[in-house]
Amino acid sequence: MENSKLPVFMMTIVAIIVGVALYKQFDFSTQTFANPALSAVYGITFLFAVFLLVRNYRKTARK
């Protein structure tokens, strides 16, 4: 039972850290990213982590 909570906790931490890093990379005055290649990697990782969290939430809501 505790094993199923560990990936959710880890993906939550990953999503928070990558989301903050992505936010810091964005320059609001020029509407661009400081490092576009790294920001793309951050964006893909953030979307993947959020996807896994939503999928797990929907799976547990069905039970």
Protein backbone atom coordinates (compact mmCIF):
# COMPACT_ATOMS: atom_id res chain seq x y z
CA MET A 1 0.00 0.00 0.00
CA GLU A 2 2.80 2.43 0.80
CA ASN A 3 4.54 1.56 -2.44
CA SER A 4 1.71 3.09 -4.45
CA LYS A 5 2.04 6.42 -2.62
CA LEU A 6 5.77 6.79 -3.30
CA PRO A 7 5.57 7.46 -7.08
CA VAL A 8 2.82 10.03 -6.52
CA PHE A 9 4.91 11.83 -3.92
CA MET A 10 8.00 11.75 -6.14
CA MET A 11 6.13 13.02 -9.21
CA THR A 12 4.63 15.82 -7.11
CA ILE A 13 8.09 16.90 -5.97
CA VAL A 14 9.42 16.66 -9.55
CA ALA A 15 6.51 18.71 -10.89
CA ILE A 16 7.03 21.42 -8.27
CA ILE A 17 10.79 21.67 -8.81
CA VAL A 18 10.61 21.65 -12.60
CA GLY A 19 7.66 24.04 -12.62
CA VAL A 20 9.56 26.55 -10.49
CA ALA A 21 12.65 26.20 -12.69
CA LEU A 22 10.53 26.73 -15.79
CA TYR A 23 8.94 29.80 -14.21
CA LYS A 24 12.37 31.24 -13.41
CA GLN A 25 13.56 30.69 -16.98
CA PHE A 26 10.71 32.79 -18.40
CA ASP A 27 11.30 36.52 -18.97
CA PHE A 28 7.95 38.29 -18.66
CA SER A 29 9.11 41.58 -20.15
CA THR A 30 10.10 40.02 -23.49
CA GLN A 31 7.81 36.94 -23.31
CA THR A 32 10.73 34.60 -24.08
CA PHE A 33 12.76 31.96 -22.31
CA ALA A 34 16.35 32.60 -21.26
CA ASN A 35 17.50 29.21 -22.54
CA PRO A 36 14.94 27.77 -25.00
CA ALA A 37 16.45 24.28 -25.28
CA LEU A 38 16.58 23.74 -21.54
CA SER A 39 13.11 25.21 -21.17
CA ALA A 40 11.79 22.68 -23.69
CA VAL A 41 13.22 19.84 -21.60
CA TYR A 42 11.72 21.38 -18.45
CA GLY A 43 8.36 21.74 -20.18
CA ILE A 44 8.27 18.15 -21.40
CA THR A 45 9.26 16.86 -17.96
CA PHE A 46 6.67 19.05 -16.26
CA LEU A 47 3.89 17.91 -18.59
CA PHE A 48 4.87 14.25 -18.13
CA ALA A 49 4.83 14.59 -14.32
CA VAL A 50 1.44 16.32 -14.38
CA PHE A 51 0.10 13.68 -16.77
CA LEU A 52 1.14 10.88 -14.40
CA LEU A 53 -0.40 12.68 -11.44
CA VAL A 54 -3.70 13.22 -13.24
CA ARG A 55 -3.78 9.64 -14.48
CA ASN A 56 -3.17 8.32 -10.96
CA TYR A 57 -5.80 10.66 -9.51
CA ARG A 58 -8.40 9.49 -12.03
CA LYS A 59 -7.51 5.84 -11.34
CA THR A 60 -7.93 6.24 -7.57
CA ALA A 61 -11.16 8.24 -8.00
CA ARG A 62 -12.76 5.29 -9.82
CA LYS A 63 -12.15 2.93 -6.90
